[in-house]
Amino acid sequence: MIARYNIRIAAFFFFAMALFMALLTAPGAEASTVKVEEIRYFSSKNYTRVVIGLDKKADFEPHLLKKDPSIKKPRRFYVDIKNARLGKNIKRTIPINDGLLKVARAGQFDKKTVRVVLDIESLKDYKIFPMPGPYRIVIDFFGKGARHTPVASNEPAAVSGVKKIKAPKHEKPTIKKPNGIKTIVIDPGHGGKDPGAIGKRRLKEKTVTLKIAKMLKKDLAKQLRKKHGKKPRIILTRTKDKYISLDERTAIANSREADLFVSIHVNASPRRAATGVETYYLKYTQDKEAIRVAERENKATAAEMNDVLGYILRDLESTGNQQESIRLATNIQQTLSKGLVKKYRGVKSNGVKGALFYVLVNCNMPSVLVEVSFISNPKDEKRLKSDKYLQEITKGITRGIINYMDGKGAG
């Protein structure tokens, strides 16, 4: 009886051990496999942005190959994504044919590597960087006629998940003189499935930002014609309640060769008493409040933002736009806060700040993000429903942009 019992115990033990070993060596027990879900692109004559969408963070290696006439292969750029597999619904071949890139191709290079290949027609420069929330790999290609080109050392930034590769030599950026500004892109934050912050009375940030953006386009065009006799090209990244990703917003500005980029947002805070207006430019910061705002707008944690910190720091050094962005932010903040403080009790200026906003990363022009009020503050939310209040916000931003164009604050 005891012998049978011992046999059963031993059998159960060996069965359990076998099951444990099977689970340990199963594919799912290895590092979680990354799924490559999509490839999309945005392009113009001299600029193309390619975005590779993944379901989680991944290591990747970019490579730039020279043209090889001996095997009749065009110049190619490819990215190897490690420990990855192709998603079932991904389009494997995407014709582009925009003068810079011919086609994008995705394939399972080996069991653990997905390779995305881009056939090049013409290339002056490129940048590649990861962007979390959701995770994607962004590649910007610049043509020979690009007006705004990055400047950096011969190696791109060493960032998490990216191995260094040699890149083309860069030229110094051309900063547009204020009186030569022809194209301004206004970006109403959020939209579609992304409502942004929501107030206690259910007012949505996406609704407010779109309304302000439309007002701003009209007022800015009117004031520029009146003061300078100019007919500027003013472009909105969205004109209706539509979802647009952060990387697409930047791509719109770059592809339209914008001279200025202004992103409109409404702030929110766990502290219902928080109020005021503030204007941001792209910068690394340790300020907890600025980090909190960036986390909310980026839909990413501080840890995730730090994953791309190396690239962003190099980008700040290379583009030559930071000082102009600070000057634009300062002009907007001064006129916006002055107008509101004068007419509305309790409104205050929270100043010009720097933070890691994804929508400002790799903008090839002076770029800022304006937080116009706090939708989480009951008084602010009520005011944000008023066209009169929104018009005052619009006037303040318009005056700030025009002051920048007139050279105010220039060294």
Protein backbone atom coordinates (compact mmCIF):
# COMPACT_ATOMS: atom_id res chain seq x y z
CA MET A 1 0.00 0.00 0.00
CA ILE A 2 2.78 2.39 1.03
CA ALA A 3 4.82 1.35 -2.04
CA ARG A 4 1.89 2.18 -4.37
CA TYR A 5 1.45 5.55 -2.65
CA ASN A 6 5.15 6.34 -3.09
CA ILE A 7 4.98 5.37 -6.76
CA ARG A 8 2.05 7.73 -7.28
CA ILE A 9 3.88 10.56 -5.51
CA ALA A 10 6.97 9.96 -7.65
CA ALA A 11 4.91 9.84 -10.85
CA PHE A 12 3.15 13.07 -9.93
CA PHE A 13 6.52 14.71 -9.12
CA PHE A 14 8.05 13.69 -12.48
CA PHE A 15 4.92 14.80 -14.36
CA ALA A 16 5.02 18.20 -12.62
CA MET A 17 8.72 18.60 -13.40
CA ALA A 18 8.17 17.69 -17.05
CA LEU A 19 5.32 20.19 -17.33
CA PHE A 20 7.47 22.90 -15.67
CA MET A 21 10.36 22.27 -18.09
CA ALA A 22 7.99 22.32 -21.07
CA LEU A 23 6.60 25.67 -19.97
CA LEU A 24 10.11 26.99 -19.34
CA THR A 25 11.30 26.13 -22.85
CA ALA A 26 8.08 27.14 -24.63
CA PRO A 27 8.30 30.13 -27.02
CA GLY A 28 6.13 32.21 -24.70
CA ALA A 29 8.60 31.77 -21.86
CA GLU A 30 11.28 33.62 -23.82
CA ALA A 31 11.40 37.39 -23.96
CA SER A 32 8.02 38.55 -25.23
CA THR A 33 7.94 38.71 -29.03
CA VAL A 34 7.30 42.10 -30.58
CA LYS A 35 4.60 42.32 -33.25
CA VAL A 36 5.16 44.70 -36.19
CA GLU A 37 1.64 45.93 -36.79
CA GLU A 38 1.79 48.61 -39.49
CA ILE A 39 3.88 50.76 -41.80
CA ARG A 40 2.58 54.18 -42.80
CA TYR A 41 4.08 57.23 -44.40
CA PHE A 42 3.50 60.96 -44.99
CA SER A 43 5.31 62.66 -47.82
CA SER A 44 5.91 65.73 -49.91
CA LYS A 45 8.40 66.65 -52.59
CA ASN A 46 11.35 67.09 -50.23
CA TYR A 47 10.31 65.27 -47.06
CA THR A 48 8.99 61.83 -46.17
CA ARG A 49 8.19 60.42 -42.73
CA VAL A 50 7.90 56.63 -42.38
CA VAL A 51 6.37 55.22 -39.19
CA ILE A 52 6.70 51.56 -38.19
CA GLY A 53 4.07 50.69 -35.58
CA LEU A 54 4.86 48.01 -32.97
CA ASP A 55 2.84 46.56 -30.11
CA LYS A 56 5.66 47.10 -27.59
CA LYS A 57 9.18 48.42 -27.16
CA ALA A 58 11.87 46.77 -29.31
CA ASP A 59 15.57 46.92 -30.08
CA PHE A 60 16.34 47.80 -33.67
CA GLU A 61 19.31 48.42 -35.95
CA PRO A 62 19.17 50.85 -38.90
CA HIS A 63 21.47 50.51 -41.92
CA LEU A 64 22.09 52.72 -44.95
CA LEU A 65 23.42 50.92 -48.05
CA LYS A 66 25.06 52.43 -51.10
CA LYS A 67 23.73 51.84 -54.59
CA ASP A 68 25.11 48.61 -56.05
CA PRO A 69 25.08 48.72 -59.90
CA SER A 70 26.64 45.24 -60.10
CA ILE A 71 23.44 43.62 -58.81
CA LYS A 72 21.14 46.34 -60.14
CA LYS A 73 19.98 47.30 -56.66
CA PRO A 74 19.00 50.89 -55.75
CA ARG A 75 20.34 52.66 -52.68
CA ARG A 76 18.54 51.19 -49.69
CA PHE A 77 17.82 51.95 -46.06
CA TYR A 78 16.68 49.13 -43.83
CA VAL A 79 15.78 48.54 -40.20
CA ASP A 80 16.15 45.19 -38.45
CA ILE A 81 13.69 44.84 -35.57
CA LYS A 82 14.88 42.29 -33.03
CA ASN A 83 12.83 39.49 -31.44
CA ALA A 84 9.93 40.40 -33.71
CA ARG A 85 7.38 38.89 -36.04
CA LEU A 86 5.14 40.37 -38.70
CA GLY A 87 1.51 41.01 -37.79
CA LYS A 88 -1.07 39.04 -39.74
CA ASN A 89 -2.70 42.07 -41.35
CA ILE A 90 0.38 44.14 -42.15
CA LYS A 91 0.79 45.25 -45.75
CA ARG A 92 4.18 43.88 -46.83
CA THR A 93 4.75 46.09 -49.87
CA ILE A 94 3.84 49.80 -49.89
CA PRO A 95 4.53 51.84 -53.04
CA ILE A 96 5.60 55.40 -52.20
CA ASN A 97 7.15 56.92 -55.36
CA ASP A 98 7.34 60.47 -54.03
CA GLY A 99 10.76 61.34 -55.45
CA LEU A 100 12.59 60.39 -52.25
CA LEU A 101 11.49 56.81 -51.64
CA LYS A 102 10.29 54.26 -54.15
CA VAL A 103 8.79 51.54 -52.01
CA ALA A 104 8.66 50.17 -48.45
CA ARG A 105 8.90 46.41 -47.95
CA ALA A 106 8.51 44.34 -44.79
CA GLY A 107 9.55 40.72 -44.34
CA GLN A 108 10.46 38.09 -41.76
CA PHE A 109 14.24 38.08 -42.26
CA ASP A 110 14.72 35.19 -39.84
CA LYS A 111 12.78 33.62 -36.97
CA LYS A 112 13.54 36.50 -34.62
CA THR A 113 14.05 39.46 -36.96
CA VAL A 114 11.68 41.58 -39.01
CA ARG A 115 13.39 43.65 -41.71
CA VAL A 116 11.81 46.78 -43.18
CA VAL A 117 13.53 47.93 -46.39
CA LEU A 118 13.10 51.32 -48.06
CA ASP A 119 14.31 51.74 -51.64
CA ILE A 120 15.76 55.22 -52.08
CA GLU A 121 15.40 57.40 -55.15
CA SER A 122 16.99 60.59 -53.76
CA LEU A 123 18.32 61.37 -50.28
CA LYS A 124 20.13 64.27 -48.66
CA ASP A 125 19.68 63.40 -45.00
CA TYR A 126 17.67 61.32 -42.55
CA LYS A 127 16.82 60.93 -38.87
CA ILE A 128 15.55 57.88 -37.01
CA PHE A 129 14.16 57.68 -33.49
CA PRO A 130 11.77 55.63 -31.34
CA MET A 131 8.57 57.11 -29.93
CA PRO A 132 6.55 55.35 -27.21
CA GLY A 133 2.85 55.59 -26.38
CA PRO A 134 2.19 53.40 -28.49
CA TYR A 135 5.72 52.35 -29.44
CA ARG A 136 6.81 53.13 -32.99
CA ILE A 137 9.98 53.73 -34.98
CA VAL A 138 9.96 57.04 -36.86
CA ILE A 139 12.25 57.74 -39.82
CA ASP A 140 12.44 61.18 -41.43
CA PHE A 141 13.98 61.49 -44.90
CA PHE A 142 15.01 64.86 -46.36
CA GLY A 143 15.41 65.56 -50.06
CA LYS A 144 17.99 67.77 -51.74
CA GLY A 145 15.56 70.67 -52.02
CA ALA A 146 14.48 70.64 -48.36
CA ARG A 147 14.40 74.15 -46.89
CA HIS A 148 14.86 73.00 -43.31
CA THR A 149 17.60 70.45 -42.76
CA PRO A 150 18.97 69.11 -39.50
CA VAL A 151 22.56 69.53 -38.41
CA ALA A 152 24.48 67.11 -36.25
CA SER A 153 27.65 65.08 -35.96
CA ASN A 154 28.27 62.15 -38.27
CA GLU A 155 26.52 59.78 -35.90
CA PRO A 156 22.92 59.98 -34.71
CA ALA A 157 22.01 60.04 -31.06
CA ALA A 158 22.71 56.95 -28.97
CA VAL A 159 19.26 56.16 -27.63
CA SER A 160 17.73 53.14 -26.00
CA GLY A 161 17.07 50.42 -28.53
CA VAL A 162 19.17 51.94 -31.32
CA LYS A 163 22.70 51.07 -32.37
CA LYS A 164 24.88 53.83 -33.81
CA ILE A 165 25.27 53.97 -37.57
CA LYS A 166 27.08 56.40 -39.80
CA ALA A 167 24.81 59.04 -41.26
CA PRO A 168 25.35 61.57 -44.03
CA LYS A 169 27.11 64.80 -43.12
CA HIS A 170 24.70 67.57 -42.22
CA GLU A 171 24.60 71.19 -43.18
CA LYS A 172 23.85 74.07 -40.84
CA PRO A 173 20.13 74.83 -40.52
CA THR A 174 18.64 77.86 -42.14
CA ILE A 175 16.57 79.83 -39.62
CA LYS A 176 13.89 81.79 -41.43
CA LYS A 177 13.99 85.54 -40.84
CA PRO A 178 10.80 86.65 -39.08
CA ASN A 179 9.67 88.86 -41.98
CA GLY A 180 10.19 85.95 -44.38
CA ILE A 181 7.65 83.65 -42.71
CA LYS A 182 5.19 82.36 -45.28
CA THR A 183 3.65 79.21 -43.79
CA ILE A 184 2.27 78.73 -40.27
CA VAL A 185 0.85 75.41 -39.03
CA ILE A 186 -1.68 75.52 -36.18
CA ASP A 187 -2.26 72.22 -34.41
CA PRO A 188 -5.53 71.73 -32.47
CA GLY A 189 -4.61 69.10 -29.87
CA HIS A 190 -6.36 65.71 -29.63
CA GLY A 191 -9.48 64.83 -31.68
CA GLY A 192 -11.64 61.87 -32.68
CA LYS A 193 -11.18 58.92 -30.31
CA ASP A 194 -8.82 61.04 -28.20
CA PRO A 195 -10.91 63.61 -26.28
CA GLY A 196 -7.97 64.99 -24.31
CA ALA A 197 -8.79 66.28 -20.83
CA ILE A 198 -12.47 66.39 -19.82
CA GLY A 199 -13.89 68.92 -17.37
CA LYS A 200 -16.38 68.23 -14.59
CA ARG A 201 -19.17 69.64 -16.78
CA ARG A 202 -18.05 67.24 -19.57
CA LEU A 203 -16.39 69.87 -21.77
CA LYS A 204 -13.74 68.14 -23.88
CA GLU A 205 -10.30 69.51 -24.63
CA LYS A 206 -10.52 68.43 -28.29
CA THR A 207 -13.60 70.61 -28.80
CA VAL A 208 -11.99 73.70 -27.31
CA THR A 209 -8.69 73.35 -29.17
CA LEU A 210 -10.39 72.99 -32.57
CA LYS A 211 -12.56 76.04 -31.95
CA ILE A 212 -9.54 78.14 -30.92
CA ALA A 213 -7.50 76.91 -33.89
CA LYS A 214 -10.21 77.93 -36.37
CA MET A 215 -10.57 81.34 -34.70
CA LEU A 216 -6.79 81.76 -34.68
CA LYS A 217 -6.46 80.98 -38.37
CA LYS A 218 -9.06 83.61 -39.23
CA ASP A 219 -7.75 86.28 -36.85
CA LEU A 220 -4.09 85.76 -37.72
CA ALA A 221 -4.77 86.00 -41.46
CA LYS A 222 -6.80 89.18 -40.93
CA GLN A 223 -4.19 90.89 -38.72
CA LEU A 224 -1.25 89.97 -40.96
CA ARG A 225 -3.03 91.36 -44.02
CA LYS A 226 -3.92 94.49 -42.08
CA LYS A 227 -0.48 95.10 -40.59
CA HIS A 228 1.91 93.69 -43.18
CA GLY A 229 -0.21 93.34 -46.29
CA LYS A 230 0.69 89.64 -46.23
CA LYS A 231 -1.37 86.69 -47.38
CA PRO A 232 0.22 83.92 -45.32
CA ARG A 233 -0.52 80.25 -45.78
CA ILE A 234 -2.08 79.08 -42.50
CA ILE A 235 -2.68 75.34 -42.20
CA LEU A 236 -4.61 73.42 -39.53
CA THR A 237 -3.50 69.86 -38.79
CA ARG A 238 -7.20 68.99 -38.45
CA THR A 239 -10.36 70.88 -39.37
CA LYS A 240 -12.88 68.49 -37.83
CA ASP A 241 -13.26 66.04 -34.96
CA LYS A 242 -10.69 63.59 -36.28
CA TYR A 243 -7.94 61.56 -34.60
CA ILE A 244 -4.43 62.39 -35.79
CA SER A 245 -1.36 60.80 -34.20
CA LEU A 246 1.38 62.99 -32.74
CA ASP A 247 3.90 61.85 -35.35
CA GLU A 248 1.49 62.75 -38.16
CA ARG A 249 1.01 66.28 -36.79
CA THR A 250 4.77 66.90 -36.92
CA ALA A 251 4.91 65.32 -40.38
CA ILE A 252 2.25 67.74 -41.64
CA ALA A 253 4.35 70.71 -40.50
CA ASN A 254 7.56 69.31 -41.98
CA SER A 255 6.01 68.23 -45.27
CA ARG A 256 4.35 71.62 -45.78
CA GLU A 257 7.72 73.26 -45.05
CA ALA A 258 6.16 75.35 -42.30
CA ASP A 259 8.07 78.29 -40.84
CA LEU A 260 6.23 78.17 -37.48
CA PHE A 261 4.34 75.44 -35.60
CA VAL A 262 1.89 76.27 -32.79
CA SER A 263 0.12 73.43 -30.96
CA ILE A 264 -2.99 74.39 -28.97
CA HIS A 265 -3.94 72.51 -25.79
CA VAL A 266 -5.98 72.91 -22.61
CA ASN A 267 -4.35 71.98 -19.32
CA ALA A 268 -5.70 69.78 -16.51
CA SER A 269 -4.55 69.04 -12.98
CA PRO A 270 -5.54 66.86 -10.01
CA ARG A 271 -5.67 70.16 -8.10
CA ARG A 272 -8.97 71.73 -9.08
CA ALA A 273 -7.74 75.15 -7.99
CA ALA A 274 -4.88 75.07 -10.54
CA THR A 275 -5.29 77.85 -13.12
CA GLY A 276 -3.35 80.01 -15.55
CA VAL A 277 -1.79 79.89 -19.00
CA GLU A 278 1.65 78.58 -19.95
CA THR A 279 3.64 78.11 -23.15
CA TYR A 280 6.15 75.31 -23.76
CA TYR A 281 9.09 74.64 -26.04
CA LEU A 282 11.01 71.36 -26.41
CA LYS A 283 13.54 70.84 -23.65
CA TYR A 284 14.63 68.26 -21.11
CA THR A 285 13.37 69.18 -17.66
CA GLN A 286 13.27 67.90 -14.11
CA ASP A 287 10.36 70.14 -13.18
CA LYS A 288 7.68 67.79 -11.81
CA GLU A 289 4.73 69.86 -13.00
CA ALA A 290 6.12 70.20 -16.55
CA ILE A 291 6.78 66.44 -16.62
CA ARG A 292 3.21 65.75 -15.47
CA VAL A 293 1.79 67.91 -18.28
CA ALA A 294 4.02 66.22 -20.87
CA GLU A 295 3.05 62.75 -19.61
CA ARG A 296 -0.63 63.60 -20.07
CA GLU A 297 -0.24 65.08 -23.55
CA ASN A 298 2.16 62.34 -24.72
CA LYS A 299 0.15 59.52 -23.14
CA ALA A 300 3.48 58.17 -21.89
CA THR A 301 5.23 57.80 -18.54
CA ALA A 302 8.36 59.70 -17.53
CA ALA A 303 10.31 56.42 -17.85
CA GLU A 304 9.07 55.94 -21.42
CA MET A 305 9.96 59.53 -22.29
CA ASN A 306 13.45 58.98 -20.92
CA ASP A 307 13.88 56.11 -23.40
CA VAL A 308 14.08 58.67 -26.21
CA LEU A 309 15.90 61.29 -24.17
CA GLY A 310 19.26 60.72 -25.87
CA TYR A 311 17.78 61.40 -29.28
CA ILE A 312 15.86 64.46 -28.11
CA LEU A 313 18.92 66.01 -26.47
CA ARG A 314 20.91 65.55 -29.67
CA ASP A 315 18.02 66.91 -31.71
CA LEU A 316 17.90 70.04 -29.55
CA GLU A 317 21.59 70.61 -30.23
CA SER A 318 21.34 69.87 -33.94
CA THR A 319 18.28 71.62 -35.35
CA GLY A 320 19.21 75.15 -34.33
CA ASN A 321 15.56 75.97 -33.60
CA GLN A 322 15.50 75.99 -29.79
CA GLN A 323 16.41 79.66 -29.28
CA GLU A 324 13.82 80.71 -31.87
CA SER A 325 11.25 78.46 -30.21
CA ILE A 326 11.97 80.12 -26.86
CA ARG A 327 11.52 83.56 -28.44
CA LEU A 328 8.23 82.51 -30.06
CA ALA A 329 7.01 81.00 -26.76
CA THR A 330 7.98 84.14 -24.85
CA ASN A 331 6.12 86.44 -27.23
CA ILE A 332 2.97 84.31 -27.16
CA GLN A 333 3.04 83.90 -23.38
CA GLN A 334 3.45 87.64 -22.81
CA THR A 335 0.57 88.77 -25.02
CA LEU A 336 -1.75 85.87 -24.13
CA SER A 337 -1.39 86.25 -20.37
CA LYS A 338 -1.47 90.05 -20.48
CA GLY A 339 -4.80 90.11 -22.31
CA LEU A 340 -6.47 87.50 -20.09
CA VAL A 341 -5.15 88.87 -16.78
CA LYS A 342 -6.42 92.33 -17.71
CA LYS A 343 -9.98 91.18 -18.42
CA TYR A 344 -10.53 88.09 -16.26
CA ARG A 345 -10.08 87.90 -12.50
CA GLY A 346 -7.97 85.04 -11.18
CA VAL A 347 -6.15 84.26 -14.44
CA LYS A 348 -2.38 84.17 -14.01
CA SER A 349 0.72 83.64 -16.12
CA ASN A 350 2.52 80.41 -15.34
CA GLY A 351 5.39 81.44 -17.61
CA VAL A 352 7.43 79.89 -20.41
CA LYS A 353 8.60 76.34 -19.71
CA GLY A 354 10.49 73.52 -21.37
CA ALA A 355 9.33 69.90 -21.51
CA LEU A 356 9.57 66.76 -23.66
CA PHE A 357 6.47 67.02 -25.82
CA TYR A 358 6.50 64.41 -28.60
CA VAL A 359 4.58 66.66 -30.99
CA LEU A 360 7.54 69.08 -30.92
CA VAL A 361 10.22 66.41 -31.52
CA ASN A 362 11.96 66.82 -34.88
CA CYS A 363 9.89 69.83 -35.90
CA ASN A 364 12.15 71.52 -38.43
CA MET A 365 10.99 75.00 -37.51
CA PRO A 366 10.44 77.08 -34.35
CA SER A 367 7.67 75.23 -32.50
CA VAL A 368 5.69 75.72 -29.29
CA LEU A 369 2.80 74.18 -27.36
CA VAL A 370 0.33 76.52 -25.64
CA GLU A 371 -1.79 75.43 -22.64
CA VAL A 372 -4.54 78.06 -22.70
CA SER A 373 -6.34 77.38 -19.36
CA PHE A 374 -7.21 74.53 -16.95
CA ILE A 375 -10.30 72.58 -17.96
CA SER A 376 -10.13 70.87 -14.54
CA ASN A 377 -10.77 74.22 -12.85
CA PRO A 378 -14.57 74.84 -12.66
CA LYS A 379 -14.23 78.59 -13.32
CA ASP A 380 -11.85 78.01 -16.25
CA GLU A 381 -14.13 75.34 -17.71
CA LYS A 382 -17.06 77.71 -17.61
CA ARG A 383 -15.00 80.40 -19.34
CA LEU A 384 -13.78 77.93 -22.00
CA LYS A 385 -17.42 77.50 -23.07
CA SER A 386 -17.61 81.23 -23.81
CA ASP A 387 -16.79 82.48 -27.31
CA LYS A 388 -15.78 85.81 -25.79
CA TYR A 389 -13.11 84.13 -23.65
CA LEU A 390 -11.87 82.01 -26.56
CA GLN A 391 -11.67 85.12 -28.73
CA GLU A 392 -9.46 86.79 -26.11
CA ILE A 393 -7.19 83.73 -26.14
CA THR A 394 -7.09 83.91 -29.93
CA LYS A 395 -6.15 87.60 -29.91
CA GLY A 396 -3.36 86.97 -27.42
CA ILE A 397 -1.79 84.19 -29.49
CA THR A 398 -2.17 86.25 -32.69
CA ARG A 399 -0.40 89.24 -31.14
CA GLY A 400 2.40 86.99 -29.88
CA ILE A 401 3.00 85.46 -33.33
CA ILE A 402 3.01 88.88 -34.99
CA ASN A 403 5.41 90.27 -32.37
CA TYR A 404 7.71 87.33 -33.08
CA MET A 405 7.50 87.99 -36.82
CA ASP A 406 8.32 91.65 -36.19
CA GLY A 407 11.54 90.57 -34.51
CA LYS A 408 10.62 91.27 -30.88
CA GLY A 409 13.11 89.61 -28.56
CA ALA A 410 15.59 88.84 -31.36
CA GLY A 411 19.25 89.21 -30.44
